[in-house]
Every structure is written in structure tokens, then in C-alpha cells.
Amino acid sequence: MDALGDGTRRQILERLRRGPMAVGELAQGLPVSRPAVSQHLRVLKGAGLVAERRDGTRRLYRVDTDGLAEVREYFESFWADVLAAFEAAAEAEAEMEDE
């Protein structure tokens, strides 16, 4: 979750949704340098959100769907708990109105 707390890393992840990209492609249009993009990619890779593969002399980065699935599961469980609490509160309020 910490890896997604940075806006630049979220932008990089958004760009990678379109498909694999090299650092130079990712850096285009971002307000940070190529070395900074590489550092952000290291953080995302360490968090399991990005994977890399070599293509000749370049490294191509892509979204790691397994890591993203873990984030999705976390939020789904979070929302399931929130919705269950909302349902319980709504039912309790309805019971109080019926009394």
C-alpha cells in the first residue's frame, strides 16, 4: 500500500495498464527524471506490483497481476466489512423506527 501512496508511482502504474514499457517511455511527460522513474519502478517492483523482463538491451516493465490481485483482495475485504456494518446499522435504525 505504501508503494501506491506516491502520485508519480500511481501515474507509472496507470501508464503500464496500456502494456509493457521501457523506462524512457514511462518517463515521457512525467515531472521527474529517468533515474527517478527507475527508483519508483524499484519500489513498485519490490511491492510486487510491477515485473520486468529483458528485451535485448532494454528492460520492459509491466503490471504484475498477482501483486495487483493482492491489493484488490484487500480492498474487496475492506468494502465487504464496511458494507456489512452499514447493513447492520440500517437494520438497527429500521427496527428503532418500527418500535
N, C-alpha and C. Protein backbone atom coordinates (compact mmCIF):
# COMPACT_ATOMS: atom_id res chain seq x y z
N MET A 1 0.82 -1.19 0.00
CA MET A 1 0.00 0.00 0.00
C MET A 1 0.87 1.26 0.00
N ASP A 2 2.00 1.19 0.71
CA ASP A 2 2.89 2.35 0.75
C ASP A 2 3.37 2.72 -0.65
N ALA A 3 3.60 1.71 -1.48
CA ALA A 3 4.10 1.97 -2.83
C ALA A 3 3.10 2.79 -3.64
N LEU A 4 1.83 2.66 -3.35
CA LEU A 4 0.80 3.39 -4.10
C LEU A 4 0.51 4.76 -3.49
N GLY A 5 1.18 5.08 -2.39
CA GLY A 5 0.95 6.36 -1.73
C GLY A 5 1.57 7.54 -2.46
N ASP A 6 2.43 7.27 -3.41
CA ASP A 6 3.09 8.33 -4.16
C ASP A 6 2.39 8.53 -5.51
N GLY A 7 2.08 9.77 -5.82
CA GLY A 7 1.37 10.10 -7.05
C GLY A 7 2.11 9.71 -8.32
N THR A 8 3.43 9.87 -8.32
CA THR A 8 4.21 9.50 -9.50
C THR A 8 4.15 8.00 -9.73
N ARG A 9 4.23 7.22 -8.65
CA ARG A 9 4.14 5.77 -8.81
C ARG A 9 2.77 5.35 -9.32
N ARG A 10 1.73 6.04 -8.86
CA ARG A 10 0.39 5.73 -9.39
C ARG A 10 0.31 6.06 -10.87
N GLN A 11 0.92 7.16 -11.29
CA GLN A 11 0.94 7.52 -12.72
C GLN A 11 1.68 6.46 -13.53
N ILE A 12 2.80 6.00 -13.01
CA ILE A 12 3.57 4.96 -13.71
C ILE A 12 2.72 3.70 -13.85
N LEU A 13 2.07 3.30 -12.78
CA LEU A 13 1.23 2.11 -12.83
C LEU A 13 0.09 2.28 -13.82
N GLU A 14 -0.50 3.47 -13.86
CA GLU A 14 -1.56 3.76 -14.83
C GLU A 14 -1.05 3.61 -16.26
N ARG A 15 0.14 4.12 -16.52
CA ARG A 15 0.71 4.02 -17.87
C ARG A 15 0.98 2.58 -18.24
N LEU A 16 1.38 1.78 -17.26
CA LEU A 16 1.68 0.37 -17.54
C LEU A 16 0.41 -0.45 -17.79
N ARG A 17 -0.74 0.11 -17.48
CA ARG A 17 -2.00 -0.57 -17.80
C ARG A 17 -2.15 -0.76 -19.30
N ARG A 18 -1.54 0.13 -20.07
CA ARG A 18 -1.63 0.08 -21.54
C ARG A 18 -0.76 -1.02 -22.13
N GLY A 19 0.20 -1.52 -21.33
CA GLY A 19 1.09 -2.57 -21.81
C GLY A 19 2.52 -2.31 -21.37
N PRO A 20 3.41 -3.25 -21.63
CA PRO A 20 4.80 -3.13 -21.20
C PRO A 20 5.47 -1.89 -21.81
N MET A 21 6.32 -1.27 -21.01
CA MET A 21 7.05 -0.07 -21.45
C MET A 21 8.44 -0.06 -20.85
N ALA A 22 9.34 0.61 -21.55
CA ALA A 22 10.70 0.84 -21.06
C ALA A 22 10.70 2.11 -20.21
N VAL A 23 11.75 2.30 -19.44
CA VAL A 23 11.86 3.47 -18.56
C VAL A 23 11.72 4.77 -19.34
N GLY A 24 12.38 4.86 -20.50
CA GLY A 24 12.31 6.08 -21.30
C GLY A 24 10.89 6.42 -21.70
N GLU A 25 10.12 5.42 -22.10
CA GLU A 25 8.72 5.65 -22.48
C GLU A 25 7.91 6.11 -21.27
N LEU A 26 8.16 5.47 -20.13
CA LEU A 26 7.42 5.84 -18.92
C LEU A 26 7.75 7.25 -18.46
N ALA A 27 9.01 7.66 -18.64
CA ALA A 27 9.44 8.97 -18.16
C ALA A 27 8.88 10.13 -18.99
N GLN A 28 8.51 9.86 -20.24
CA GLN A 28 8.00 10.93 -21.10
C GLN A 28 6.74 11.54 -20.49
N GLY A 29 6.79 12.85 -20.30
CA GLY A 29 5.62 13.57 -19.79
C GLY A 29 5.49 13.57 -18.28
N LEU A 30 6.35 12.84 -17.59
CA LEU A 30 6.30 12.86 -16.12
C LEU A 30 7.19 14.00 -15.62
N PRO A 31 6.85 14.56 -14.48
CA PRO A 31 7.64 15.68 -13.96
C PRO A 31 8.91 15.25 -13.21
N VAL A 32 9.39 14.03 -13.50
CA VAL A 32 10.60 13.53 -12.85
C VAL A 32 11.56 12.97 -13.91
N SER A 33 12.82 12.80 -13.53
CA SER A 33 13.84 12.33 -14.45
C SER A 33 13.75 10.81 -14.66
N ARG A 34 14.47 10.33 -15.66
CA ARG A 34 14.54 8.88 -15.90
C ARG A 34 15.07 8.13 -14.68
N PRO A 35 16.16 8.63 -14.05
CA PRO A 35 16.64 7.93 -12.85
C PRO A 35 15.58 7.87 -11.75
N ALA A 36 14.79 8.94 -11.62
CA ALA A 36 13.72 8.94 -10.61
C ALA A 36 12.65 7.91 -10.96
N VAL A 37 12.32 7.79 -12.25
CA VAL A 37 11.35 6.78 -12.68
C VAL A 37 11.89 5.40 -12.37
N SER A 38 13.18 5.18 -12.59
CA SER A 38 13.79 3.89 -12.26
C SER A 38 13.67 3.58 -10.77
N GLN A 39 13.87 4.60 -9.94
CA GLN A 39 13.73 4.40 -8.49
C GLN A 39 12.29 4.06 -8.13
N HIS A 40 11.34 4.74 -8.74
CA HIS A 40 9.92 4.44 -8.49
C HIS A 40 9.59 3.02 -8.95
N LEU A 41 10.15 2.61 -10.08
CA LEU A 41 9.91 1.25 -10.56
C LEU A 41 10.48 0.22 -9.59
N ARG A 42 11.62 0.51 -8.99
CA ARG A 42 12.20 -0.41 -7.99
C ARG A 42 11.25 -0.58 -6.81
N VAL A 43 10.65 0.52 -6.37
CA VAL A 43 9.70 0.46 -5.25
C VAL A 43 8.49 -0.37 -5.66
N LEU A 44 7.95 -0.11 -6.85
CA LEU A 44 6.78 -0.85 -7.32
C LEU A 44 7.11 -2.33 -7.51
N LYS A 45 8.31 -2.61 -7.99
CA LYS A 45 8.73 -3.99 -8.17
C LYS A 45 8.88 -4.67 -6.81
N GLY A 46 9.48 -3.97 -5.85
CA GLY A 46 9.63 -4.52 -4.51
C GLY A 46 8.30 -4.80 -3.84
N ALA A 47 7.29 -4.02 -4.18
CA ALA A 47 5.95 -4.22 -3.63
C ALA A 47 5.18 -5.31 -4.37
N GLY A 48 5.78 -5.83 -5.44
CA GLY A 48 5.11 -6.88 -6.20
C GLY A 48 4.06 -6.38 -7.17
N LEU A 49 4.08 -5.08 -7.47
CA LEU A 49 3.08 -4.50 -8.37
C LEU A 49 3.55 -4.41 -9.81
N VAL A 50 4.87 -4.50 -10.02
CA VAL A 50 5.46 -4.38 -11.35
C VAL A 50 6.48 -5.50 -11.53
N ALA A 51 6.51 -6.05 -12.73
CA ALA A 51 7.51 -7.06 -13.09
C ALA A 51 8.30 -6.53 -14.27
N GLU A 52 9.48 -7.09 -14.48
CA GLU A 52 10.31 -6.64 -15.60
C GLU A 52 10.83 -7.85 -16.36
N ARG A 53 11.14 -7.60 -17.63
CA ARG A 53 11.80 -8.61 -18.46
C ARG A 53 12.75 -7.90 -19.39
N ARG A 54 13.78 -8.60 -19.77
CA ARG A 54 14.76 -8.03 -20.70
C ARG A 54 14.28 -8.24 -22.13
N ASP A 55 14.49 -7.22 -22.93
CA ASP A 55 14.21 -7.28 -24.36
C ASP A 55 15.44 -6.69 -25.04
N GLY A 56 16.42 -7.54 -25.32
CA GLY A 56 17.70 -7.06 -25.84
C GLY A 56 18.42 -6.30 -24.74
N THR A 57 18.73 -5.05 -25.02
CA THR A 57 19.43 -4.24 -24.01
C THR A 57 18.46 -3.46 -23.13
N ARG A 58 17.18 -3.51 -23.46
CA ARG A 58 16.18 -2.76 -22.68
C ARG A 58 15.50 -3.66 -21.65
N ARG A 59 14.98 -3.01 -20.65
CA ARG A 59 14.12 -3.70 -19.69
C ARG A 59 12.72 -3.17 -19.88
N LEU A 60 11.80 -4.08 -20.07
CA LEU A 60 10.40 -3.70 -20.21
C LEU A 60 9.68 -4.00 -18.90
N TYR A 61 8.90 -3.05 -18.47
CA TYR A 61 8.15 -3.18 -17.22
C TYR A 61 6.68 -3.37 -17.54
N ARG A 62 6.01 -4.16 -16.71
CA ARG A 62 4.58 -4.40 -16.88
C ARG A 62 3.94 -4.53 -15.51
N VAL A 63 2.63 -4.41 -15.47
CA VAL A 63 1.89 -4.60 -14.23
C VAL A 63 1.98 -6.08 -13.86
N ASP A 64 2.29 -6.35 -12.61
CA ASP A 64 2.30 -7.73 -12.09
C ASP A 64 0.89 -8.02 -11.58
N THR A 65 0.15 -8.81 -12.33
CA THR A 65 -1.25 -9.04 -11.99
C THR A 65 -1.43 -9.77 -10.66
N ASP A 66 -0.45 -10.60 -10.28
CA ASP A 66 -0.55 -11.29 -8.99
C ASP A 66 -0.49 -10.29 -7.84
N GLY A 67 0.44 -9.36 -7.91
CA GLY A 67 0.56 -8.34 -6.86
C GLY A 67 -0.65 -7.43 -6.82
N LEU A 68 -1.16 -7.09 -8.00
CA LEU A 68 -2.33 -6.24 -8.07
C LEU A 68 -3.56 -6.97 -7.51
N ALA A 69 -3.61 -8.28 -7.70
CA ALA A 69 -4.71 -9.08 -7.16
C ALA A 69 -4.73 -9.02 -5.64
N GLU A 70 -3.55 -8.99 -5.02
CA GLU A 70 -3.48 -8.88 -3.56
C GLU A 70 -4.06 -7.56 -3.08
N VAL A 71 -3.74 -6.48 -3.79
CA VAL A 71 -4.29 -5.16 -3.43
C VAL A 71 -5.80 -5.17 -3.60
N ARG A 72 -6.25 -5.76 -4.69
CA ARG A 72 -7.70 -5.84 -4.94
C ARG A 72 -8.40 -6.64 -3.85
N GLU A 73 -7.83 -7.76 -3.45
CA GLU A 73 -8.42 -8.57 -2.38
C GLU A 73 -8.52 -7.79 -1.08
N TYR A 74 -7.48 -7.01 -0.79
CA TYR A 74 -7.51 -6.19 0.42
C TYR A 74 -8.69 -5.22 0.39
N PHE A 75 -8.83 -4.49 -0.71
CA PHE A 75 -9.91 -3.52 -0.80
C PHE A 75 -11.28 -4.19 -0.84
N GLU A 76 -11.38 -5.33 -1.49
CA GLU A 76 -12.66 -6.04 -1.51
C GLU A 76 -13.06 -6.47 -0.10
N SER A 77 -12.10 -6.96 0.69
CA SER A 77 -12.43 -7.36 2.06
C SER A 77 -12.78 -6.14 2.90
N PHE A 78 -12.08 -5.05 2.66
CA PHE A 78 -12.38 -3.81 3.37
C PHE A 78 -13.80 -3.37 3.08
N TRP A 79 -14.19 -3.34 1.82
CA TRP A 79 -15.53 -2.90 1.45
C TRP A 79 -16.59 -3.88 1.92
N ALA A 80 -16.28 -5.16 1.94
CA ALA A 80 -17.24 -6.13 2.44
C ALA A 80 -17.54 -5.84 3.92
N ASP A 81 -16.49 -5.54 4.69
CA ASP A 81 -16.68 -5.21 6.11
C ASP A 81 -17.48 -3.92 6.28
N VAL A 82 -17.16 -2.91 5.48
CA VAL A 82 -17.86 -1.63 5.57
C VAL A 82 -19.33 -1.79 5.20
N LEU A 83 -19.59 -2.53 4.14
CA LEU A 83 -20.99 -2.73 3.71
C LEU A 83 -21.76 -3.55 4.74
N ALA A 84 -21.13 -4.53 5.36
CA ALA A 84 -21.80 -5.32 6.40
C ALA A 84 -22.15 -4.43 7.59
N ALA A 85 -21.24 -3.55 7.97
CA ALA A 85 -21.50 -2.64 9.09
C ALA A 85 -22.63 -1.66 8.73
N PHE A 86 -22.63 -1.19 7.47
CA PHE A 86 -23.71 -0.29 7.03
C PHE A 86 -25.06 -1.01 7.06
N GLU A 87 -25.08 -2.25 6.60
CA GLU A 87 -26.32 -3.02 6.61
C GLU A 87 -26.82 -3.20 8.04
N ALA A 88 -25.92 -3.53 8.96
CA ALA A 88 -26.32 -3.72 10.36
C ALA A 88 -26.87 -2.42 10.94
N ALA A 89 -26.22 -1.29 10.63
CA ALA A 89 -26.69 0.00 11.14
C ALA A 89 -28.06 0.35 10.55
N ALA A 90 -28.25 0.07 9.27
CA ALA A 90 -29.54 0.37 8.63
C ALA A 90 -30.64 -0.50 9.22
N GLU A 91 -30.34 -1.76 9.47
CA GLU A 91 -31.34 -2.66 10.07
C GLU A 91 -31.68 -2.22 11.50
N ALA A 92 -30.67 -1.80 12.25
CA ALA A 92 -30.92 -1.33 13.63
C ALA A 92 -31.77 -0.08 13.61
N GLU A 93 -31.51 0.81 12.67
CA GLU A 93 -32.31 2.04 12.57
C GLU A 93 -33.74 1.71 12.17
N ALA A 94 -33.92 0.78 11.26
CA ALA A 94 -35.26 0.38 10.82
C ALA A 94 -36.04 -0.23 11.99
N GLU A 95 -35.36 -1.03 12.81
CA GLU A 95 -36.02 -1.63 13.98
C GLU A 95 -36.45 -0.56 14.96
N MET A 96 -35.62 0.47 15.15
CA MET A 96 -35.96 1.54 16.08
C MET A 96 -37.16 2.33 15.57
N GLU A 97 -37.27 2.49 14.25
CA GLU A 97 -38.40 3.21 13.68
C GLU A 97 -39.68 2.41 13.80
N ASP A 98 -39.59 1.08 13.76
CA ASP A 98 -40.75 0.21 13.87
C ASP A 98 -41.30 0.16 15.29
N GLU A 99 -40.48 0.50 16.27
CA GLU A 99 -40.93 0.43 17.66
C GLU A 99 -41.83 1.54 18.03
